[in-house]
């Protein structure tokens, strides 16, 4: 999910990577679940995507940023777009 020229040379923090990896797993599980559980799983996936975007922005701030501002903005934009489709 986080591939491209803006984040290529950087390592994504583990907490952000975990959130970004967990969302597709939940969506895959939602496909084969009953409707009520599927709705709950989609909501969880949307929450993980939203939190990943916010965490990326936080990681780009401060005295010793863990991500570049360009990479964080790219992650935030992608997660917002994907969360909006859920």
N, C-alpha and C. Protein backbone atom coordinates (compact mmCIF):
# COMPACT_ATOMS: atom_id res chain seq x y z
N UNK A 1 0.82 -1.19 0.00
CA UNK A 1 0.00 0.00 0.00
C UNK A 1 0.86 1.25 0.00
N UNK A 2 1.98 1.20 0.70
CA UNK A 2 2.84 2.37 0.80
C UNK A 2 4.03 2.16 -0.11
N UNK A 3 3.76 2.18 -1.39
CA UNK A 3 4.82 2.04 -2.36
C UNK A 3 4.72 3.20 -3.32
N UNK A 4 5.86 3.67 -3.72
CA UNK A 4 5.87 4.77 -4.65
C UNK A 4 7.07 5.64 -4.42
N UNK A 5 7.25 6.62 -5.25
CA UNK A 5 8.46 7.44 -5.16
C UNK A 5 8.55 8.28 -3.89
N UNK A 6 7.44 8.65 -3.29
CA UNK A 6 7.51 9.53 -2.13
C UNK A 6 7.94 8.82 -0.86
N UNK A 7 7.72 7.51 -0.75
CA UNK A 7 8.08 6.77 0.48
C UNK A 7 9.12 5.68 0.23
N UNK A 8 9.64 5.60 -0.98
CA UNK A 8 10.52 4.48 -1.32
C UNK A 8 11.77 4.39 -0.46
N UNK A 9 12.54 5.44 -0.26
CA UNK A 9 13.78 5.27 0.49
C UNK A 9 13.58 5.17 2.01
N UNK A 10 12.40 5.41 2.49
CA UNK A 10 12.15 5.48 3.93
C UNK A 10 11.61 4.17 4.47
N UNK A 11 11.84 3.96 5.76
CA UNK A 11 11.21 2.84 6.44
C UNK A 11 9.99 3.38 7.17
N UNK A 12 8.88 2.72 6.98
CA UNK A 12 7.63 3.12 7.61
C UNK A 12 7.65 2.57 9.05
N UNK A 13 7.31 3.40 10.04
CA UNK A 13 7.27 2.92 11.42
C UNK A 13 6.34 1.71 11.56
N UNK A 14 6.71 0.81 12.47
CA UNK A 14 5.99 -0.46 12.63
C UNK A 14 4.52 -0.26 12.98
N UNK A 15 4.21 0.71 13.81
CA UNK A 15 2.82 0.94 14.21
C UNK A 15 1.95 1.32 13.01
N UNK A 16 2.50 2.13 12.12
CA UNK A 16 1.76 2.55 10.93
C UNK A 16 1.63 1.37 9.97
N UNK A 17 2.73 0.64 9.80
CA UNK A 17 2.72 -0.52 8.91
C UNK A 17 1.70 -1.56 9.38
N UNK A 18 1.61 -1.77 10.68
CA UNK A 18 0.66 -2.74 11.23
C UNK A 18 -0.78 -2.32 10.90
N UNK A 19 -1.09 -1.05 11.08
CA UNK A 19 -2.44 -0.57 10.78
C UNK A 19 -2.75 -0.72 9.29
N UNK A 20 -1.77 -0.41 8.46
CA UNK A 20 -1.98 -0.51 7.02
C UNK A 20 -2.11 -1.97 6.57
N UNK A 21 -1.45 -2.88 7.26
CA UNK A 21 -1.56 -4.30 6.92
C UNK A 21 -2.84 -4.92 7.45
N UNK A 22 -3.32 -4.44 8.56
CA UNK A 22 -4.49 -5.04 9.21
C UNK A 22 -5.79 -4.71 8.47
N UNK A 23 -5.90 -3.53 7.90
CA UNK A 23 -7.14 -3.12 7.22
C UNK A 23 -7.53 -4.07 6.08
N UNK A 24 -6.63 -4.44 5.16
CA UNK A 24 -7.04 -5.38 4.10
C UNK A 24 -7.42 -6.77 4.64
N UNK A 25 -6.76 -7.18 5.73
CA UNK A 25 -7.11 -8.47 6.33
C UNK A 25 -8.56 -8.45 6.81
N UNK A 26 -8.95 -7.36 7.45
CA UNK A 26 -10.32 -7.24 7.94
C UNK A 26 -11.32 -7.20 6.79
N UNK A 27 -10.96 -6.51 5.71
CA UNK A 27 -11.86 -6.44 4.56
C UNK A 27 -12.01 -7.80 3.88
N UNK A 28 -10.94 -8.57 3.83
CA UNK A 28 -11.03 -9.92 3.28
C UNK A 28 -11.93 -10.80 4.13
N UNK A 29 -11.82 -10.64 5.44
CA UNK A 29 -12.65 -11.42 6.35
C UNK A 29 -14.12 -11.01 6.22
N UNK A 30 -14.36 -9.73 5.95
CA UNK A 30 -15.73 -9.23 5.83
C UNK A 30 -16.46 -9.84 4.64
N UNK A 31 -15.73 -10.19 3.60
CA UNK A 31 -16.34 -10.75 2.40
C UNK A 31 -17.07 -12.05 2.70
N UNK A 32 -16.50 -12.87 3.57
CA UNK A 32 -17.09 -14.18 3.83
C UNK A 32 -17.86 -14.23 5.16
N UNK A 33 -18.17 -13.07 5.72
CA UNK A 33 -18.87 -13.03 7.00
C UNK A 33 -20.34 -12.70 6.81
N UNK A 34 -21.16 -13.00 7.84
CA UNK A 34 -22.57 -12.59 7.79
C UNK A 34 -22.67 -11.05 7.75
N UNK A 35 -23.78 -10.52 7.26
CA UNK A 35 -23.90 -9.06 7.06
C UNK A 35 -23.60 -8.20 8.28
N UNK A 36 -24.07 -8.60 9.45
CA UNK A 36 -23.84 -7.76 10.64
C UNK A 36 -22.36 -7.74 11.00
N UNK A 37 -21.73 -8.90 10.97
CA UNK A 37 -20.30 -8.98 11.28
C UNK A 37 -19.48 -8.28 10.20
N UNK A 38 -19.89 -8.40 8.94
CA UNK A 38 -19.18 -7.76 7.84
C UNK A 38 -19.19 -6.24 8.00
N UNK A 39 -20.33 -5.70 8.41
CA UNK A 39 -20.42 -4.26 8.62
C UNK A 39 -19.46 -3.82 9.73
N UNK A 40 -19.39 -4.61 10.79
CA UNK A 40 -18.49 -4.31 11.90
C UNK A 40 -17.03 -4.39 11.46
N UNK A 41 -16.70 -5.36 10.65
CA UNK A 41 -15.33 -5.52 10.17
C UNK A 41 -14.93 -4.38 9.23
N UNK A 42 -15.86 -3.96 8.37
CA UNK A 42 -15.58 -2.82 7.49
C UNK A 42 -15.36 -1.55 8.30
N UNK A 43 -16.14 -1.39 9.36
CA UNK A 43 -15.99 -0.22 10.22
C UNK A 43 -14.62 -0.23 10.91
N UNK A 44 -14.20 -1.42 11.36
CA UNK A 44 -12.88 -1.55 11.98
C UNK A 44 -11.77 -1.22 10.98
N UNK A 45 -11.92 -1.72 9.75
CA UNK A 45 -10.92 -1.46 8.72
C UNK A 45 -10.82 0.03 8.42
N UNK A 46 -11.96 0.69 8.36
CA UNK A 46 -11.98 2.13 8.12
C UNK A 46 -11.28 2.85 9.26
N UNK A 47 -11.50 2.39 10.49
CA UNK A 47 -10.86 2.99 11.66
C UNK A 47 -9.34 2.81 11.58
N UNK A 48 -8.88 1.61 11.19
CA UNK A 48 -7.44 1.38 11.06
C UNK A 48 -6.83 2.30 10.01
N UNK A 49 -7.52 2.48 8.90
CA UNK A 49 -7.00 3.36 7.85
C UNK A 49 -6.93 4.81 8.32
N UNK A 50 -7.97 5.25 9.01
CA UNK A 50 -8.00 6.61 9.52
C UNK A 50 -6.87 6.84 10.52
N UNK A 51 -6.69 5.89 11.42
CA UNK A 51 -5.64 6.00 12.44
C UNK A 51 -4.25 5.94 11.81
N UNK A 52 -4.08 5.15 10.77
CA UNK A 52 -2.78 5.07 10.09
C UNK A 52 -2.42 6.41 9.46
N UNK A 53 -3.41 7.05 8.84
CA UNK A 53 -3.16 8.37 8.25
C UNK A 53 -2.78 9.40 9.29
N UNK A 54 -3.49 9.39 10.41
CA UNK A 54 -3.18 10.33 11.49
C UNK A 54 -1.81 10.04 12.09
N UNK A 55 -1.48 8.77 12.26
CA UNK A 55 -0.18 8.39 12.82
C UNK A 55 0.95 8.80 11.88
N UNK A 56 0.72 8.70 10.59
CA UNK A 56 1.74 9.10 9.62
C UNK A 56 2.01 10.60 9.72
N UNK A 57 0.96 11.39 9.86
CA UNK A 57 1.15 12.83 10.01
C UNK A 57 1.91 13.16 11.29
N UNK A 58 1.56 12.46 12.37
CA UNK A 58 2.27 12.69 13.64
C UNK A 58 3.75 12.29 13.54
N UNK A 59 4.01 11.22 12.79
CA UNK A 59 5.39 10.75 12.65
C UNK A 59 6.25 11.71 11.83
N UNK A 60 5.62 12.60 11.08
CA UNK A 60 6.38 13.54 10.27
C UNK A 60 6.65 14.85 10.99
N UNK A 61 6.17 14.97 12.21
CA UNK A 61 6.34 16.21 12.97
C UNK A 61 7.36 16.02 14.08
N UNK A 62 7.73 17.11 14.67
CA UNK A 62 8.61 17.06 15.83
C UNK A 62 10.06 17.32 15.48
N UNK A 63 10.89 17.23 16.49
CA UNK A 63 12.31 17.53 16.33
C UNK A 63 13.02 16.46 15.49
N UNK A 64 12.66 15.20 15.70
CA UNK A 64 13.27 14.11 14.93
C UNK A 64 12.17 13.32 14.22
N UNK A 65 11.69 13.82 13.10
CA UNK A 65 10.59 13.12 12.40
C UNK A 65 11.02 11.76 11.88
N UNK A 66 10.12 10.80 11.98
CA UNK A 66 10.40 9.43 11.52
C UNK A 66 10.04 9.26 10.04
N UNK A 67 9.22 10.17 9.52
CA UNK A 67 8.82 10.16 8.11
C UNK A 67 9.00 11.55 7.54
N UNK A 68 9.22 11.61 6.24
CA UNK A 68 9.24 12.92 5.60
C UNK A 68 7.81 13.43 5.46
N UNK A 69 7.67 14.72 5.34
CA UNK A 69 6.34 15.32 5.21
C UNK A 69 5.66 14.84 3.92
N UNK A 70 6.44 14.65 2.87
CA UNK A 70 5.88 14.21 1.58
C UNK A 70 5.34 12.78 1.71
N UNK A 71 6.09 11.92 2.37
CA UNK A 71 5.64 10.53 2.54
C UNK A 71 4.40 10.49 3.43
N UNK A 72 4.40 11.25 4.51
CA UNK A 72 3.25 11.28 5.42
C UNK A 72 2.01 11.79 4.70
N UNK A 73 2.17 12.83 3.89
CA UNK A 73 1.04 13.36 3.14
C UNK A 73 0.51 12.33 2.14
N UNK A 74 1.41 11.58 1.53
CA UNK A 74 1.01 10.55 0.58
C UNK A 74 0.22 9.45 1.28
N UNK A 75 0.70 9.02 2.45
CA UNK A 75 -0.01 7.99 3.22
C UNK A 75 -1.38 8.51 3.64
N UNK A 76 -1.43 9.73 4.14
CA UNK A 76 -2.69 10.32 4.60
C UNK A 76 -3.69 10.42 3.46
N UNK A 77 -3.23 10.88 2.32
CA UNK A 77 -4.12 11.02 1.16
C UNK A 77 -4.68 9.66 0.73
N UNK A 78 -3.81 8.65 0.68
CA UNK A 78 -4.23 7.31 0.27
C UNK A 78 -5.21 6.71 1.26
N UNK A 79 -4.91 6.82 2.55
CA UNK A 79 -5.80 6.24 3.56
C UNK A 79 -7.15 6.95 3.60
N UNK A 80 -7.13 8.26 3.42
CA UNK A 80 -8.41 9.00 3.39
C UNK A 80 -9.26 8.57 2.20
N UNK A 81 -8.62 8.39 1.05
CA UNK A 81 -9.36 7.97 -0.15
C UNK A 81 -9.94 6.58 0.04
N UNK A 82 -9.14 5.66 0.59
CA UNK A 82 -9.62 4.30 0.80
C UNK A 82 -10.70 4.23 1.87
N UNK A 83 -10.53 4.99 2.95
CA UNK A 83 -11.53 5.00 4.03
C UNK A 83 -12.84 5.59 3.53
N UNK A 84 -12.76 6.55 2.61
CA UNK A 84 -13.96 7.16 2.06
C UNK A 84 -14.78 6.19 1.22
N UNK A 85 -14.14 5.17 0.69
CA UNK A 85 -14.86 4.19 -0.13
C UNK A 85 -15.52 3.10 0.69
N UNK A 86 -15.23 3.05 2.00
CA UNK A 86 -15.82 2.00 2.84
C UNK A 86 -17.15 2.44 3.42
